[in-house]
Amino acid sequence: AKRKTYPALFQLFKKGLLPEDTKIVGFARSALKAEEFRKQIREFITTKTESENATLKSFLENCVYVSGNYDDPAAYARMDRAMNGKNRLFYLALPPDVFVPASKNIKAVCQSTDGFNR
C-alpha cells in the first residue's frame, strides 16, 4: 500500500478528486504511532514544489493509523471511530489466513449505517 496505493491517493487528493472530509485509515498489527505511519507513507511520495509539499502535509493529516489484531473486535471499534464519513471503502491487502476474521469484524463493527460500504 505504501509504494502504490498511498502515492495514487495523494495524486487524487492533489487534483481535488477526493471529498474534503476523506480519512484514509491504515490498520495493521504493527504498533506504530501516527507520525511513524505518516513518515513511512511520506518516503514513497515525491513532491517537486513547495506547493506540493504543503498539499502533501494536508494529505498526511488525513491519514490515520489504527493498530490491532485482525481477530479483535475492539481494534475494529477503534478503526470505526477513526473513520468519520458516511461512505466507506475498504481495501484489504491481507495474508490469506486473516482475511476471514478481518472481513467478519469489518462487517460486524465498521459498516456505515447511513452511507455506502464497499
N, C-alpha and C. Protein backbone atom coordinates (compact mmCIF):
# COMPACT_ATOMS: atom_id res chain seq x y z
N ALA A 1 0.83 -1.20 0.00
CA ALA A 1 0.00 0.00 0.00
C ALA A 1 0.87 1.26 0.00
N LYS A 2 1.96 1.24 0.75
CA LYS A 2 2.79 2.44 0.83
C LYS A 2 3.44 2.79 -0.50
N ARG A 3 3.79 1.78 -1.28
CA ARG A 3 4.50 2.02 -2.53
C ARG A 3 3.61 2.47 -3.68
N LYS A 4 2.36 2.00 -3.71
CA LYS A 4 1.49 2.32 -4.85
C LYS A 4 0.18 2.98 -4.44
N THR A 5 -0.47 2.44 -3.43
CA THR A 5 -1.79 2.94 -3.07
C THR A 5 -1.75 4.37 -2.53
N TYR A 6 -0.89 4.62 -1.55
CA TYR A 6 -0.84 5.97 -0.97
C TYR A 6 -0.36 7.01 -1.98
N PRO A 7 0.66 6.75 -2.79
CA PRO A 7 1.00 7.73 -3.83
C PRO A 7 -0.15 8.00 -4.79
N ALA A 8 -0.91 6.96 -5.15
CA ALA A 8 -2.05 7.17 -6.05
C ALA A 8 -3.14 7.99 -5.36
N LEU A 9 -3.39 7.71 -4.09
CA LEU A 9 -4.37 8.50 -3.35
C LEU A 9 -3.92 9.95 -3.22
N PHE A 10 -2.62 10.16 -3.05
CA PHE A 10 -2.11 11.53 -2.99
C PHE A 10 -2.37 12.27 -4.30
N GLN A 11 -2.18 11.60 -5.42
CA GLN A 11 -2.44 12.24 -6.71
C GLN A 11 -3.91 12.64 -6.83
N LEU A 12 -4.81 11.78 -6.38
CA LEU A 12 -6.23 12.12 -6.40
C LEU A 12 -6.52 13.31 -5.48
N PHE A 13 -5.92 13.30 -4.29
CA PHE A 13 -6.08 14.39 -3.34
C PHE A 13 -5.57 15.69 -3.93
N LYS A 14 -4.39 15.65 -4.53
CA LYS A 14 -3.75 16.82 -5.11
C LYS A 14 -4.62 17.44 -6.20
N LYS A 15 -5.33 16.61 -6.95
CA LYS A 15 -6.17 17.08 -8.05
C LYS A 15 -7.59 17.43 -7.60
N GLY A 16 -7.83 17.33 -6.30
CA GLY A 16 -9.16 17.66 -5.78
C GLY A 16 -10.21 16.61 -6.08
N LEU A 17 -9.80 15.37 -6.30
CA LEU A 17 -10.73 14.31 -6.68
C LEU A 17 -11.20 13.45 -5.50
N LEU A 18 -10.79 13.80 -4.29
CA LEU A 18 -11.29 13.13 -3.09
C LEU A 18 -12.14 14.12 -2.32
N PRO A 19 -13.23 13.67 -1.73
CA PRO A 19 -14.02 14.59 -0.89
C PRO A 19 -13.16 15.19 0.21
N GLU A 20 -13.48 16.42 0.60
CA GLU A 20 -12.67 17.13 1.61
C GLU A 20 -12.55 16.37 2.92
N ASP A 21 -13.60 15.70 3.33
CA ASP A 21 -13.59 15.03 4.63
C ASP A 21 -13.09 13.60 4.58
N THR A 22 -12.40 13.23 3.51
CA THR A 22 -11.89 11.86 3.37
C THR A 22 -10.83 11.58 4.43
N LYS A 23 -11.00 10.47 5.12
CA LYS A 23 -9.99 9.96 6.04
C LYS A 23 -9.48 8.65 5.45
N ILE A 24 -8.19 8.49 5.43
CA ILE A 24 -7.57 7.26 4.95
C ILE A 24 -7.00 6.57 6.18
N VAL A 25 -7.57 5.42 6.50
CA VAL A 25 -7.24 4.73 7.75
C VAL A 25 -6.43 3.48 7.44
N GLY A 26 -5.23 3.42 7.95
CA GLY A 26 -4.41 2.22 7.86
C GLY A 26 -4.65 1.37 9.10
N PHE A 27 -4.68 0.07 8.91
CA PHE A 27 -4.90 -0.85 10.03
C PHE A 27 -3.95 -2.03 9.88
N ALA A 28 -3.21 -2.33 10.93
CA ALA A 28 -2.29 -3.47 10.91
C ALA A 28 -1.93 -3.84 12.35
N ARG A 29 -1.20 -4.93 12.46
CA ARG A 29 -0.78 -5.39 13.79
C ARG A 29 0.37 -4.57 14.36
N SER A 30 1.17 -3.95 13.53
CA SER A 30 2.34 -3.19 14.00
C SER A 30 1.90 -2.04 14.90
N ALA A 31 2.59 -1.93 16.01
CA ALA A 31 2.29 -0.85 16.96
C ALA A 31 3.04 0.41 16.54
N LEU A 32 2.43 1.18 15.66
CA LEU A 32 3.03 2.42 15.18
C LEU A 32 2.27 3.62 15.72
N LYS A 33 2.97 4.69 15.96
CA LYS A 33 2.32 5.95 16.28
C LYS A 33 1.94 6.61 14.95
N ALA A 34 1.00 7.52 14.99
CA ALA A 34 0.52 8.17 13.77
C ALA A 34 1.66 8.82 12.99
N GLU A 35 2.56 9.48 13.67
CA GLU A 35 3.66 10.15 12.98
C GLU A 35 4.60 9.16 12.30
N GLU A 36 4.84 8.03 12.92
CA GLU A 36 5.67 6.99 12.29
C GLU A 36 5.00 6.47 11.03
N PHE A 37 3.70 6.26 11.10
CA PHE A 37 2.93 5.80 9.95
C PHE A 37 3.02 6.81 8.81
N ARG A 38 2.81 8.07 9.13
CA ARG A 38 2.87 9.13 8.10
C ARG A 38 4.27 9.25 7.51
N LYS A 39 5.28 9.06 8.33
CA LYS A 39 6.66 9.11 7.84
C LYS A 39 6.90 7.99 6.83
N GLN A 40 6.39 6.80 7.12
CA GLN A 40 6.54 5.68 6.19
C GLN A 40 5.85 5.97 4.86
N ILE A 41 4.67 6.57 4.90
CA ILE A 41 3.96 6.93 3.68
C ILE A 41 4.76 7.98 2.91
N ARG A 42 5.25 8.98 3.63
CA ARG A 42 5.97 10.11 3.03
C ARG A 42 7.17 9.64 2.21
N GLU A 43 7.82 8.58 2.64
CA GLU A 43 9.01 8.08 1.95
C GLU A 43 8.73 7.66 0.51
N PHE A 44 7.49 7.34 0.20
CA PHE A 44 7.14 6.84 -1.13
C PHE A 44 6.42 7.86 -2.00
N ILE A 45 6.29 9.10 -1.51
CA ILE A 45 5.63 10.15 -2.28
C ILE A 45 6.64 11.24 -2.58
N THR A 46 6.81 11.53 -3.86
CA THR A 46 7.74 12.58 -4.25
C THR A 46 6.97 13.86 -4.58
N THR A 47 7.56 14.96 -4.18
CA THR A 47 6.99 16.27 -4.49
C THR A 47 8.06 17.10 -5.18
N LYS A 48 7.62 18.05 -5.99
CA LYS A 48 8.56 18.85 -6.77
C LYS A 48 8.59 20.32 -6.38
N THR A 49 7.54 20.79 -5.71
CA THR A 49 7.46 22.21 -5.38
C THR A 49 7.06 22.39 -3.92
N GLU A 50 7.22 23.60 -3.42
CA GLU A 50 6.78 23.92 -2.06
C GLU A 50 5.27 23.78 -1.94
N SER A 51 4.56 24.12 -3.01
CA SER A 51 3.11 23.98 -3.02
C SER A 51 2.71 22.52 -2.86
N GLU A 52 3.40 21.62 -3.56
CA GLU A 52 3.12 20.19 -3.41
C GLU A 52 3.47 19.71 -2.01
N ASN A 53 4.53 20.27 -1.42
CA ASN A 53 4.89 19.90 -0.05
C ASN A 53 3.76 20.26 0.91
N ALA A 54 3.15 21.44 0.72
CA ALA A 54 2.03 21.87 1.57
C ALA A 54 0.83 20.96 1.35
N THR A 55 0.58 20.59 0.10
CA THR A 55 -0.53 19.69 -0.21
C THR A 55 -0.28 18.32 0.42
N LEU A 56 0.95 17.85 0.36
CA LEU A 56 1.29 16.57 0.97
C LEU A 56 1.07 16.61 2.48
N LYS A 57 1.42 17.73 3.10
CA LYS A 57 1.21 17.86 4.54
C LYS A 57 -0.28 17.74 4.86
N SER A 58 -1.13 18.39 4.08
CA SER A 58 -2.58 18.28 4.29
C SER A 58 -3.06 16.86 4.08
N PHE A 59 -2.54 16.21 3.03
CA PHE A 59 -2.92 14.82 2.74
C PHE A 59 -2.55 13.92 3.91
N LEU A 60 -1.33 14.06 4.42
CA LEU A 60 -0.87 13.20 5.51
C LEU A 60 -1.67 13.43 6.79
N GLU A 61 -2.19 14.63 6.99
CA GLU A 61 -3.03 14.89 8.16
C GLU A 61 -4.32 14.08 8.10
N ASN A 62 -4.72 13.69 6.89
CA ASN A 62 -5.93 12.89 6.71
C ASN A 62 -5.65 11.39 6.76
N CYS A 63 -4.40 11.01 6.92
CA CYS A 63 -4.02 9.60 7.02
C CYS A 63 -3.85 9.24 8.49
N VAL A 64 -4.63 8.31 8.94
CA VAL A 64 -4.56 7.89 10.34
C VAL A 64 -4.26 6.40 10.40
N TYR A 65 -3.83 5.95 11.55
CA TYR A 65 -3.41 4.56 11.71
C TYR A 65 -4.04 3.98 12.97
N VAL A 66 -4.50 2.75 12.84
CA VAL A 66 -5.04 2.01 13.98
C VAL A 66 -4.30 0.67 14.04
N SER A 67 -3.81 0.36 15.21
CA SER A 67 -3.10 -0.90 15.42
C SER A 67 -4.01 -1.88 16.14
N GLY A 68 -3.96 -3.13 15.70
CA GLY A 68 -4.74 -4.14 16.38
C GLY A 68 -4.62 -5.49 15.72
N ASN A 69 -5.11 -6.50 16.41
CA ASN A 69 -5.12 -7.85 15.85
C ASN A 69 -6.33 -8.00 14.94
N TYR A 70 -6.16 -8.80 13.92
CA TYR A 70 -7.23 -8.96 12.93
C TYR A 70 -8.46 -9.66 13.49
N ASP A 71 -8.32 -10.36 14.58
CA ASP A 71 -9.46 -11.07 15.17
C ASP A 71 -10.01 -10.39 16.41
N ASP A 72 -9.64 -9.13 16.65
CA ASP A 72 -10.03 -8.40 17.85
C ASP A 72 -11.10 -7.36 17.53
N PRO A 73 -12.37 -7.60 17.89
CA PRO A 73 -13.42 -6.63 17.61
C PRO A 73 -13.16 -5.24 18.21
N ALA A 74 -12.48 -5.17 19.35
CA ALA A 74 -12.18 -3.87 19.95
C ALA A 74 -11.27 -3.03 19.04
N ALA A 75 -10.36 -3.68 18.34
CA ALA A 75 -9.48 -2.97 17.41
C ALA A 75 -10.31 -2.38 16.26
N TYR A 76 -11.31 -3.11 15.81
CA TYR A 76 -12.17 -2.62 14.74
C TYR A 76 -13.08 -1.50 15.23
N ALA A 77 -13.43 -1.53 16.50
CA ALA A 77 -14.19 -0.42 17.07
C ALA A 77 -13.35 0.85 17.05
N ARG A 78 -12.05 0.73 17.32
CA ARG A 78 -11.15 1.90 17.23
C ARG A 78 -11.07 2.38 15.78
N MET A 79 -11.01 1.44 14.84
CA MET A 79 -10.96 1.82 13.43
C MET A 79 -12.26 2.52 13.03
N ASP A 80 -13.39 2.01 13.51
CA ASP A 80 -14.68 2.62 13.21
C ASP A 80 -14.72 4.07 13.69
N ARG A 81 -14.19 4.33 14.87
CA ARG A 81 -14.16 5.70 15.40
C ARG A 81 -13.24 6.59 14.57
N ALA A 82 -12.19 6.02 14.00
CA ALA A 82 -11.25 6.81 13.19
C ALA A 82 -11.86 7.22 11.85
N MET A 83 -12.82 6.45 11.37
CA MET A 83 -13.49 6.76 10.10
C MET A 83 -14.65 7.68 10.41
N ASN A 84 -14.65 8.87 9.82
CA ASN A 84 -15.70 9.81 10.17
C ASN A 84 -16.77 9.97 9.09
N GLY A 85 -16.60 9.35 7.96
CA GLY A 85 -17.52 9.57 6.86
C GLY A 85 -18.65 8.57 6.80
N LYS A 86 -19.68 8.96 6.08
CA LYS A 86 -20.81 8.06 5.87
C LYS A 86 -20.44 6.95 4.90
N ASN A 87 -19.69 7.29 3.87
CA ASN A 87 -19.33 6.34 2.84
C ASN A 87 -17.97 5.72 3.17
N ARG A 88 -17.90 4.40 3.04
CA ARG A 88 -16.66 3.71 3.42
C ARG A 88 -16.25 2.72 2.34
N LEU A 89 -14.98 2.80 2.01
CA LEU A 89 -14.39 1.89 1.03
C LEU A 89 -13.26 1.15 1.75
N PHE A 90 -13.30 -0.16 1.73
CA PHE A 90 -12.30 -0.98 2.41
C PHE A 90 -11.40 -1.64 1.38
N TYR A 91 -10.11 -1.44 1.53
CA TYR A 91 -9.11 -2.08 0.67
C TYR A 91 -8.34 -3.05 1.56
N LEU A 92 -8.41 -4.33 1.24
CA LEU A 92 -7.78 -5.33 2.09
C LEU A 92 -6.57 -5.95 1.40
N ALA A 93 -5.41 -5.70 1.94
CA ALA A 93 -4.18 -6.34 1.48
C ALA A 93 -3.69 -7.18 2.66
N LEU A 94 -4.23 -8.37 2.76
CA LEU A 94 -4.03 -9.19 3.94
C LEU A 94 -3.49 -10.57 3.60
N PRO A 95 -2.79 -11.19 4.54
CA PRO A 95 -2.44 -12.60 4.36
C PRO A 95 -3.73 -13.43 4.33
N PRO A 96 -3.75 -14.51 3.56
CA PRO A 96 -4.97 -15.31 3.44
C PRO A 96 -5.53 -15.81 4.78
N ASP A 97 -4.66 -16.11 5.73
CA ASP A 97 -5.15 -16.68 6.99
C ASP A 97 -5.89 -15.68 7.88
N VAL A 98 -5.80 -14.39 7.60
CA VAL A 98 -6.53 -13.40 8.41
C VAL A 98 -7.66 -12.72 7.63
N PHE A 99 -7.84 -13.09 6.38
CA PHE A 99 -8.87 -12.44 5.56
C PHE A 99 -10.27 -12.65 6.14
N VAL A 100 -10.60 -13.87 6.52
CA VAL A 100 -11.95 -14.15 7.03
C VAL A 100 -12.21 -13.42 8.34
N PRO A 101 -11.34 -13.52 9.36
CA PRO A 101 -11.64 -12.78 10.59
C PRO A 101 -11.69 -11.27 10.37
N ALA A 102 -10.82 -10.75 9.52
CA ALA A 102 -10.85 -9.31 9.26
C ALA A 102 -12.15 -8.90 8.59
N SER A 103 -12.57 -9.65 7.59
CA SER A 103 -13.81 -9.35 6.88
C SER A 103 -15.01 -9.42 7.81
N LYS A 104 -15.05 -10.44 8.67
CA LYS A 104 -16.16 -10.57 9.62
C LYS A 104 -16.20 -9.40 10.59
N ASN A 105 -15.04 -8.98 11.08
CA ASN A 105 -15.01 -7.85 12.01
C ASN A 105 -15.38 -6.54 11.32
N ILE A 106 -14.94 -6.35 10.10
CA ILE A 106 -15.34 -5.14 9.36
C ILE A 106 -16.86 -5.11 9.21
N LYS A 107 -17.43 -6.24 8.83
CA LYS A 107 -18.89 -6.30 8.65
C LYS A 107 -19.62 -6.06 9.97
N ALA A 108 -19.13 -6.65 11.05
CA ALA A 108 -19.81 -6.55 12.34
C ALA A 108 -19.66 -5.19 13.00
N VAL A 109 -18.52 -4.53 12.79
CA VAL A 109 -18.20 -3.36 13.59
C VAL A 109 -18.06 -2.06 12.79
N CYS A 110 -17.62 -2.14 11.55
CA CYS A 110 -17.21 -0.92 10.84
C CYS A 110 -18.14 -0.48 9.70
N GLN A 111 -19.27 -1.11 9.55
CA GLN A 111 -20.15 -0.74 8.44
C GLN A 111 -20.87 0.58 8.74
N SER A 112 -20.94 1.42 7.73
CA SER A 112 -21.70 2.65 7.82
C SER A 112 -23.18 2.31 7.79
N THR A 113 -23.95 2.99 8.61
CA THR A 113 -25.39 2.76 8.62
C THR A 113 -26.15 3.77 7.76
N ASP A 114 -25.48 4.83 7.35
CA ASP A 114 -26.17 5.86 6.55
C ASP A 114 -25.42 6.23 5.28
N GLY A 115 -24.54 5.38 4.82
CA GLY A 115 -23.81 5.60 3.58
C GLY A 115 -23.53 4.28 2.92
N PHE A 116 -22.65 4.30 1.92
CA PHE A 116 -22.34 3.03 1.26
C PHE A 116 -21.13 2.38 1.89
N ASN A 117 -21.05 1.08 1.70
CA ASN A 117 -19.92 0.26 2.15
C ASN A 117 -19.45 -0.54 0.96
N ARG A 118 -18.18 -0.42 0.64
CA ARG A 118 -17.62 -1.16 -0.49
C ARG A 118 -16.34 -1.84 -0.06
